[in-house]
Amino acid sequence: MTVTVPTLVAPAAEPSCYSRLTNEWICGQYLSDRQDQIVDATVQHLAITVAAVVLGVLIAFPLALLARRYPRLESTVLGVSTGVYTIPSLALFPLLVPFTGLSPTTVVIGLALYALTVLVRAILEGLRSVPDEVRESATGLGYGAGRLLLRVELPLALPVIMAGLRVATVSTVALTTVGSLVAYGGLGNLIKDGVSTNFRAELLTASVLCVLLALVLDVVLVLTQRVLTPWTRGVGA
């Protein structure tokens, strides 16, 4: 009878950058070992950012129209939208948790409210930048209020609105990291973990990805604006 002696396989050596003694900022092995975790965090970060900005636009647009239609309410609308931004996330998110629970919805709503500070003003200023004579001409051609807004005012206001949207989007990418307070911060979760464990590679990777994500979204918005406003391409040439 032959007895087979099991062969003991020595565990693979842990990368030096995982060691607390070395703790390197750049660690290629970390990117390989935690690839799924990094991708999931990036996708979550992107999804929350886009959802928050879209929700912010949907809320800001009627508020801006209300402020323009009723000048007496303008200071109130701008004051409230700006005042929300002064509420610390440590206070705002817990206020939302009883209604939305510990979910991405909590972060999306909170970030959308923060984005109102920029978006409401941008939309309002964009609409005001449309020359009065253009409105009068469109009205003389039979344009109603709704058609005037959609076919004339919004296209002409788009450059100003897009400028505000770019600022709101980039700032939202940064603020999304705060969602780690309720465990839905995308790359913020990695940053929080990197800080708490003093893992430099994780901290640097998440931070760099945040910057890259902001740059990519900004470029996408710039290209979108060029497509939607072809008449502005030759301006300043």
C-alpha atoms as a PDB file:
ATOM      1  CA  MET A   1       0.000   0.000   0.000  1.00  0.00           C
ATOM      2  CA  THR A   2       1.415   3.326  -1.045  1.00  0.00           C
ATOM      3  CA  VAL A   3       0.964   6.260   1.264  1.00  0.00           C
ATOM      4  CA  THR A   4       0.888   9.645  -0.405  1.00  0.00           C
ATOM      5  CA  VAL A   5       2.367  12.388   1.643  1.00  0.00           C
ATOM      6  CA  PRO A   6       0.659  15.738   0.934  1.00  0.00           C
ATOM      7  CA  THR A   7       2.984  18.385  -0.337  1.00  0.00           C
ATOM      8  CA  LEU A   8       2.922  21.605   1.610  1.00  0.00           C
ATOM      9  CA  VAL A   9       2.859  24.589  -0.717  1.00  0.00           C
ATOM     10  CA  ALA A  10       4.411  27.690   0.732  1.00  0.00           C
ATOM     11  CA  PRO A  11       2.119  30.706   0.570  1.00  0.00           C
ATOM     12  CA  ALA A  12       3.028  33.264  -2.019  1.00  0.00           C
ATOM     13  CA  ALA A  13       5.026  36.140  -0.680  1.00  0.00           C
ATOM     14  CA  GLU A  14       2.880  39.175   0.027  1.00  0.00           C
ATOM     15  CA  PRO A  15       3.751  42.240  -2.090  1.00  0.00           C
ATOM     16  CA  SER A  16       6.052  44.610  -0.274  1.00  0.00           C
ATOM     17  CA  CYS A  17       3.661  47.505  -0.723  1.00  0.00           C
ATOM     18  CA  TYR A  18       1.151  45.676   1.476  1.00  0.00           C
ATOM     19  CA  SER A  19       3.589  45.747   4.373  1.00  0.00           C
ATOM     20  CA  ARG A  20       3.068  48.374   7.015  1.00  0.00           C
ATOM     21  CA  LEU A  21       6.819  48.854   7.080  1.00  0.00           C
ATOM     22  CA  THR A  22       7.047  49.678   3.375  1.00  0.00           C
ATOM     23  CA  ASN A  23       3.538  50.953   2.632  1.00  0.00           C
ATOM     24  CA  GLU A  24       4.351  52.242  -0.855  1.00  0.00           C
ATOM     25  CA  TRP A  25       2.123  54.832  -2.543  1.00  0.00           C
ATOM     26  CA  ILE A  26       2.266  53.096  -5.917  1.00  0.00           C
ATOM     27  CA  CYS A  27       1.480  49.376  -5.921  1.00  0.00           C
ATOM     28  CA  GLY A  28       0.782  47.549  -9.162  1.00  0.00           C
ATOM     29  CA  GLN A  29      -0.085  44.366  -7.307  1.00  0.00           C
ATOM     30  CA  TYR A  30      -2.852  46.178  -5.441  1.00  0.00           C
ATOM     31  CA  LEU A  31      -4.445  47.204  -8.754  1.00  0.00           C
ATOM     32  CA  SER A  32      -4.362  43.573  -9.849  1.00  0.00           C
ATOM     33  CA  ASP A  33      -5.538  41.987  -6.600  1.00  0.00           C
ATOM     34  CA  ARG A  34      -8.353  44.489  -5.942  1.00  0.00           C
ATOM     35  CA  GLN A  35      -9.384  45.104  -9.534  1.00  0.00           C
ATOM     36  CA  ASP A  36     -13.004  44.056  -8.999  1.00  0.00           C
ATOM     37  CA  GLN A  37     -13.311  46.203  -5.899  1.00  0.00           C
ATOM     38  CA  ILE A  38     -11.826  49.240  -7.656  1.00  0.00           C
ATOM     39  CA  VAL A  39     -14.066  48.831 -10.702  1.00  0.00           C
ATOM     40  CA  ASP A  40     -17.193  48.419  -8.556  1.00  0.00           C
ATOM     41  CA  ALA A  41     -16.321  51.537  -6.540  1.00  0.00           C
ATOM     42  CA  THR A  42     -15.687  53.554  -9.707  1.00  0.00           C
ATOM     43  CA  VAL A  43     -18.954  52.442 -11.315  1.00  0.00           C
ATOM     44  CA  GLN A  44     -20.881  53.257  -8.144  1.00  0.00           C
ATOM     45  CA  HIS A  45     -19.193  56.660  -7.946  1.00  0.00           C
ATOM     46  CA  LEU A  46     -20.098  57.437 -11.554  1.00  0.00           C
ATOM     47  CA  ALA A  47     -23.686  56.250 -11.180  1.00  0.00           C
ATOM     48  CA  ILE A  48     -24.301  58.302  -8.027  1.00  0.00           C
ATOM     49  CA  THR A  49     -22.697  61.402  -9.561  1.00  0.00           C
ATOM     50  CA  VAL A  50     -24.725  61.244 -12.776  1.00  0.00           C
ATOM     51  CA  ALA A  51     -27.970  60.501 -10.938  1.00  0.00           C
ATOM     52  CA  ALA A  52     -27.392  63.396  -8.524  1.00  0.00           C
ATOM     53  CA  VAL A  53     -26.625  65.899 -11.294  1.00  0.00           C
ATOM     54  CA  VAL A  54     -29.637  64.816 -13.351  1.00  0.00           C
ATOM     55  CA  LEU A  55     -31.912  65.094 -10.313  1.00  0.00           C
ATOM     56  CA  GLY A  56     -30.371  68.468  -9.513  1.00  0.00           C
ATOM     57  CA  VAL A  57     -31.166  69.748 -13.015  1.00  0.00           C
ATOM     58  CA  LEU A  58     -34.747  68.466 -12.781  1.00  0.00           C
ATOM     59  CA  ILE A  59     -35.226  70.365  -9.516  1.00  0.00           C
ATOM     60  CA  ALA A  60     -33.264  73.480 -10.495  1.00  0.00           C
ATOM     61  CA  PHE A  61     -35.012  74.085 -13.810  1.00  0.00           C
ATOM     62  CA  PRO A  62     -38.533  74.734 -12.450  1.00  0.00           C
ATOM     63  CA  LEU A  63     -37.058  76.726  -9.560  1.00  0.00           C
ATOM     64  CA  ALA A  64     -35.202  78.978 -11.997  1.00  0.00           C
ATOM     65  CA  LEU A  65     -38.363  79.435 -14.076  1.00  0.00           C
ATOM     66  CA  LEU A  66     -40.287  80.280 -10.921  1.00  0.00           C
ATOM     67  CA  ALA A  67     -37.681  82.855  -9.885  1.00  0.00           C
ATOM     68  CA  ARG A  68     -37.781  84.450 -13.330  1.00  0.00           C
ATOM     69  CA  ARG A  69     -41.572  84.459 -13.532  1.00  0.00           C
ATOM     70  CA  TYR A  70     -42.022  85.947 -10.050  1.00  0.00           C
ATOM     71  CA  PRO A  71     -39.147  88.359  -9.249  1.00  0.00           C
ATOM     72  CA  ARG A  72     -40.346  88.674  -5.655  1.00  0.00           C
ATOM     73  CA  LEU A  73     -39.546  85.015  -5.116  1.00  0.00           C
ATOM     74  CA  GLU A  74     -36.078  85.192  -6.658  1.00  0.00           C
ATOM     75  CA  SER A  75     -34.243  86.070  -3.447  1.00  0.00           C
ATOM     76  CA  THR A  76     -36.111  83.308  -1.609  1.00  0.00           C
ATOM     77  CA  VAL A  77     -35.357  80.669  -4.248  1.00  0.00           C
ATOM     78  CA  LEU A  78     -31.682  81.627  -4.458  1.00  0.00           C
ATOM     79  CA  GLY A  79     -31.418  81.929  -0.698  1.00  0.00           C
ATOM     80  CA  VAL A  80     -32.856  78.472  -0.068  1.00  0.00           C
ATOM     81  CA  SER A  81     -30.792  76.800  -2.797  1.00  0.00           C
ATOM     82  CA  THR A  82     -27.640  78.437  -1.460  1.00  0.00           C
ATOM     83  CA  GLY A  83     -28.547  77.802   2.164  1.00  0.00           C
ATOM     84  CA  VAL A  84     -28.789  74.045   1.601  1.00  0.00           C
ATOM     85  CA  TYR A  85     -25.118  74.021   0.604  1.00  0.00           C
ATOM     86  CA  THR A  86     -24.174  75.356   4.041  1.00  0.00           C
ATOM     87  CA  ILE A  87     -25.651  72.284   5.756  1.00  0.00           C
ATOM     88  CA  PRO A  88     -22.802  69.860   6.575  1.00  0.00           C
ATOM     89  CA  SER A  89     -23.157  66.399   5.074  1.00  0.00           C
ATOM     90  CA  LEU A  90     -22.792  64.981   8.585  1.00  0.00           C
ATOM     91  CA  ALA A  91     -26.128  66.646   9.350  1.00  0.00           C
ATOM     92  CA  LEU A  92     -27.883  66.390   5.975  1.00  0.00           C
ATOM     93  CA  PHE A  93     -27.458  62.667   5.335  1.00  0.00           C
ATOM     94  CA  PRO A  94     -28.751  61.585   8.776  1.00  0.00           C
ATOM     95  CA  LEU A  95     -31.802  63.787   8.170  1.00  0.00           C
ATOM     96  CA  LEU A  96     -32.538  61.859   4.977  1.00  0.00           C
ATOM     97  CA  VAL A  97     -31.847  58.373   6.358  1.00  0.00           C
ATOM     98  CA  PRO A  98     -35.241  57.993   8.143  1.00  0.00           C
ATOM     99  CA  PHE A  99     -36.972  58.521   4.779  1.00  0.00           C
ATOM    100  CA  THR A 100     -34.586  56.836   2.336  1.00  0.00           C
ATOM    101  CA  GLY A 101     -32.659  54.421   4.562  1.00  0.00           C
ATOM    102  CA  LEU A 102     -28.999  53.556   4.175  1.00  0.00           C
ATOM    103  CA  SER A 103     -29.094  53.480   0.402  1.00  0.00           C
ATOM    104  CA  PRO A 104     -27.646  55.252  -2.638  1.00  0.00           C
ATOM    105  CA  THR A 105     -30.867  57.286  -2.769  1.00  0.00           C
ATOM    106  CA  THR A 106     -29.796  59.104   0.378  1.00  0.00           C
ATOM    107  CA  VAL A 107     -26.547  60.193  -1.249  1.00  0.00           C
ATOM    108  CA  VAL A 108     -28.171  61.085  -4.582  1.00  0.00           C
ATOM    109  CA  ILE A 109     -30.787  63.338  -2.976  1.00  0.00           C
ATOM    110  CA  GLY A 110     -28.227  65.021  -0.731  1.00  0.00           C
ATOM    111  CA  LEU A 111     -25.832  65.716  -3.599  1.00  0.00           C
ATOM    112  CA  ALA A 112     -28.663  66.950  -5.835  1.00  0.00           C
ATOM    113  CA  LEU A 113     -29.626  69.484  -3.170  1.00  0.00           C
ATOM    114  CA  TYR A 114     -26.012  70.642  -2.944  1.00  0.00           C
ATOM    115  CA  ALA A 115     -25.865  71.050  -6.732  1.00  0.00           C
ATOM    116  CA  LEU A 116     -28.819  73.465  -6.671  1.00  0.00           C
ATOM    117  CA  THR A 117     -26.512  76.251  -5.505  1.00  0.00           C
ATOM    118  CA  VAL A 118     -24.800  76.326  -8.888  1.00  0.00           C
ATOM    119  CA  LEU A 119     -27.532  74.994 -11.160  1.00  0.00           C
ATOM    120  CA  VAL A 120     -30.344  77.374 -10.208  1.00  0.00           C
ATOM    121  CA  ARG A 121     -28.155  80.427 -10.726  1.00  0.00           C
ATOM    122  CA  ALA A 122     -26.705  79.086 -13.976  1.00  0.00           C
ATOM    123  CA  ILE A 123     -30.126  78.372 -15.490  1.00  0.00           C
ATOM    124  CA  LEU A 124     -31.519  81.697 -14.324  1.00  0.00           C
ATOM    125  CA  GLU A 125     -28.561  83.680 -15.672  1.00  0.00           C
ATOM    126  CA  GLY A 126     -28.615  81.696 -18.906  1.00  0.00           C
ATOM    127  CA  LEU A 127     -32.251  82.548 -19.556  1.00  0.00           C
ATOM    128  CA  ARG A 128     -31.610  86.189 -18.718  1.00  0.00           C
ATOM    129  CA  SER A 129     -28.735  86.313 -21.189  1.00  0.00           C
ATOM    130  CA  VAL A 130     -31.187  85.917 -24.084  1.00  0.00           C
ATOM    131  CA  PRO A 131     -31.635  89.365 -25.717  1.00  0.00           C
ATOM    132  CA  ASP A 132     -35.081  90.924 -25.318  1.00  0.00           C
ATOM    133  CA  GLU A 133     -35.274  91.695 -29.027  1.00  0.00           C
ATOM    134  CA  VAL A 134     -34.929  87.984 -29.789  1.00  0.00           C
ATOM    135  CA  ARG A 135     -37.877  87.200 -27.544  1.00  0.00           C
ATOM    136  CA  GLU A 136     -39.920  89.980 -29.107  1.00  0.00           C
ATOM    137  CA  SER A 137     -39.140  88.730 -32.603  1.00  0.00           C
ATOM    138  CA  ALA A 138     -40.106  85.164 -31.714  1.00  0.00           C
ATOM    139  CA  THR A 139     -43.316  86.358 -30.088  1.00  0.00           C
ATOM    140  CA  GLY A 140     -44.112  88.396 -33.199  1.00  0.00           C
ATOM    141  CA  LEU A 141     -43.706  85.229 -35.262  1.00  0.00           C
ATOM    142  CA  GLY A 142     -46.387  83.539 -33.185  1.00  0.00           C
ATOM    143  CA  TYR A 143     -44.282  81.616 -30.669  1.00  0.00           C
ATOM    144  CA  GLY A 144     -46.165  80.795 -27.481  1.00  0.00           C
ATOM    145  CA  ALA A 145     -44.518  80.764 -24.038  1.00  0.00           C
ATOM    146  CA  GLY A 146     -43.659  77.064 -24.115  1.00  0.00           C
ATOM    147  CA  ARG A 147     -42.386  77.056 -27.671  1.00  0.00           C
ATOM    148  CA  LEU A 148     -40.437  80.253 -27.038  1.00  0.00           C
ATOM    149  CA  LEU A 149     -38.714  78.648 -24.062  1.00  0.00           C
ATOM    150  CA  LEU A 150     -37.842  75.375 -25.761  1.00  0.00           C
ATOM    151  CA  ARG A 151     -37.038  76.564 -29.277  1.00  0.00           C
ATOM    152  CA  VAL A 152     -35.475  79.979 -28.650  1.00  0.00           C
ATOM    153  CA  GLU A 153     -34.484  80.742 -25.061  1.00  0.00           C
ATOM    154  CA  LEU A 154     -32.988  77.410 -24.004  1.00  0.00           C
ATOM    155  CA  PRO A 155     -30.732  77.000 -27.072  1.00  0.00           C
ATOM    156  CA  LEU A 156     -29.370  80.529 -26.638  1.00  0.00           C
ATOM    157  CA  ALA A 157     -28.987  80.069 -22.874  1.00  0.00           C
ATOM    158  CA  LEU A 158     -27.274  76.708 -23.260  1.00  0.00           C
ATOM    159  CA  PRO A 159     -23.628  77.944 -23.128  1.00  0.00           C
ATOM    160  CA  VAL A 160     -24.201  79.629 -19.757  1.00  0.00           C
ATOM    161  CA  ILE A 161     -26.206  76.686 -18.445  1.00  0.00           C
ATOM    162  CA  MET A 162     -23.558  74.184 -19.561  1.00  0.00           C
ATOM    163  CA  ALA A 163     -20.859  76.200 -17.826  1.00  0.00           C
ATOM    164  CA  GLY A 164     -22.790  75.899 -14.577  1.00  0.00           C
ATOM    165  CA  LEU A 165     -23.480  72.231 -15.228  1.00  0.00           C
ATOM    166  CA  ARG A 166     -19.757  71.561 -15.627  1.00  0.00           C
ATOM    167  CA  VAL A 167     -19.004  73.221 -12.280  1.00  0.00           C
ATOM    168  CA  ALA A 168     -21.828  71.325 -10.584  1.00  0.00           C
ATOM    169  CA  THR A 169     -20.700  67.999 -12.066  1.00  0.00           C
ATOM    170  CA  VAL A 170     -17.057  68.352 -11.065  1.00  0.00           C
ATOM    171  CA  SER A 171     -17.993  69.435  -7.548  1.00  0.00           C
ATOM    172  CA  THR A 172     -20.441  66.522  -7.278  1.00  0.00           C
ATOM    173  CA  VAL A 173     -17.686  64.057  -8.200  1.00  0.00           C
ATOM    174  CA  ALA A 174     -15.740  65.339  -5.200  1.00  0.00           C
ATOM    175  CA  LEU A 175     -18.757  65.431  -2.882  1.00  0.00           C
ATOM    176  CA  THR A 176     -19.797  61.885  -3.774  1.00  0.00           C
ATOM    177  CA  THR A 177     -16.914  60.649  -1.622  1.00  0.00           C
ATOM    178  CA  VAL A 178     -18.816  61.967   1.402  1.00  0.00           C
ATOM    179  CA  GLY A 179     -21.376  59.250   0.739  1.00  0.00           C
ATOM    180  CA  SER A 180     -19.010  56.899   2.539  1.00  0.00           C
ATOM    181  CA  LEU A 181     -20.783  58.142   5.695  1.00  0.00           C
ATOM    182  CA  VAL A 182     -23.661  55.843   4.727  1.00  0.00           C
ATOM    183  CA  ALA A 183     -21.472  53.260   2.959  1.00  0.00           C
ATOM    184  CA  TYR A 184     -22.369  54.500  -0.531  1.00  0.00           C
ATOM    185  CA  GLY A 185     -19.529  56.807  -1.451  1.00  0.00           C
ATOM    186  CA  GLY A 186     -18.069  54.988  -4.437  1.00  0.00           C
ATOM    187  CA  LEU A 187     -14.371  55.744  -4.447  1.00  0.00           C
ATOM    188  CA  GLY A 188     -14.938  57.536  -1.154  1.00  0.00           C
ATOM    189  CA  ASN A 189     -15.319  54.133   0.488  1.00  0.00           C
ATOM    190  CA  LEU A 190     -11.804  53.238  -0.651  1.00  0.00           C
ATOM    191  CA  ILE A 191     -10.454  56.592   0.492  1.00  0.00           C
ATOM    192  CA  LYS A 192     -12.069  56.137   3.890  1.00  0.00           C
ATOM    193  CA  ASP A 193     -10.653  52.622   4.185  1.00  0.00           C
ATOM    194  CA  GLY A 194      -7.225  53.784   3.026  1.00  0.00           C
ATOM    195  CA  VAL A 195      -7.162  56.491   5.661  1.00  0.00           C
ATOM    196  CA  SER A 196      -8.384  54.251   8.490  1.00  0.00           C
ATOM    197  CA  THR A 197      -5.869  51.486   7.673  1.00  0.00           C
ATOM    198  CA  ASN A 198      -3.105  53.833   6.534  1.00  0.00           C
ATOM    199  CA  PHE A 199      -2.925  51.939   3.217  1.00  0.00           C
ATOM    200  CA  ARG A 200      -1.279  54.455   0.907  1.00  0.00           C
ATOM    201  CA  ALA A 201      -1.765  52.550  -2.351  1.00  0.00           C
ATOM    202  CA  GLU A 202      -5.522  52.317  -1.818  1.00  0.00           C
ATOM    203  CA  LEU A 203      -5.758  55.983  -0.830  1.00  0.00           C
ATOM    204  CA  LEU A 204      -3.742  57.232  -3.806  1.00  0.00           C
ATOM    205  CA  THR A 205      -5.527  54.992  -6.321  1.00  0.00           C
ATOM    206  CA  ALA A 206      -8.984  56.145  -5.244  1.00  0.00           C
ATOM    207  CA  SER A 207      -7.929  59.799  -5.182  1.00  0.00           C
ATOM    208  CA  VAL A 208      -6.414  59.659  -8.672  1.00  0.00           C
ATOM    209  CA  LEU A 209      -9.500  57.921 -10.038  1.00  0.00           C
ATOM    210  CA  CYS A 210     -11.695  60.682  -8.586  1.00  0.00           C
ATOM    211  CA  VAL A 211      -9.646  63.306 -10.409  1.00  0.00           C
ATOM    212  CA  LEU A 212      -9.699  61.329 -13.662  1.00  0.00           C
ATOM    213  CA  LEU A 213     -13.454  60.794 -13.386  1.00  0.00           C
ATOM    214  CA  ALA A 214     -14.010  64.533 -12.941  1.00  0.00           C
ATOM    215  CA  LEU A 215     -11.830  65.289 -15.976  1.00  0.00           C
ATOM    216  CA  VAL A 216     -13.596  62.714 -18.151  1.00  0.00           C
ATOM    217  CA  LEU A 217     -17.062  63.996 -17.249  1.00  0.00           C
ATOM    218  CA  ASP A 218     -15.964  67.579 -17.867  1.00  0.00           C
ATOM    219  CA  VAL A 219     -14.653  66.645 -21.329  1.00  0.00           C
ATOM    220  CA  VAL A 220     -17.902  64.814 -22.097  1.00  0.00           C
ATOM    221  CA  LEU A 221     -19.910  67.924 -21.180  1.00  0.00           C
ATOM    222  CA  VAL A 222     -17.673  70.154 -23.294  1.00  0.00           C
ATOM    223  CA  LEU A 223     -18.122  67.878 -26.302  1.00  0.00           C
ATOM    224  CA  THR A 224     -21.864  67.696 -25.675  1.00  0.00           C
ATOM    225  CA  GLN A 225     -22.054  71.477 -25.618  1.00  0.00           C
ATOM    226  CA  ARG A 226     -20.169  71.701 -28.921  1.00  0.00           C
ATOM    227  CA  VAL A 227     -22.637  69.287 -30.492  1.00  0.00           C
ATOM    228  CA  LEU A 228     -25.700  71.097 -29.139  1.00  0.00           C
ATOM    229  CA  THR A 229     -24.440  74.613 -29.950  1.00  0.00           C
ATOM    230  CA  PRO A 230     -22.701  74.350 -33.342  1.00  0.00           C
ATOM    231  CA  TRP A 231     -23.193  78.077 -33.959  1.00  0.00           C
ATOM    232  CA  THR A 232     -20.711  78.921 -31.157  1.00  0.00           C
ATOM    233  CA  ARG A 233     -17.766  77.020 -32.605  1.00  0.00           C
ATOM    234  CA  GLY A 234     -16.504  79.903 -34.667  1.00  0.00           C
ATOM    235  CA  VAL A 235     -16.908  82.482 -31.897  1.00  0.00           C
ATOM    236  CA  GLY A 236     -13.585  84.009 -30.918  1.00  0.00           C
ATOM    237  CA  ALA A 237     -11.768  82.469 -33.853  1.00  0.00           C
END
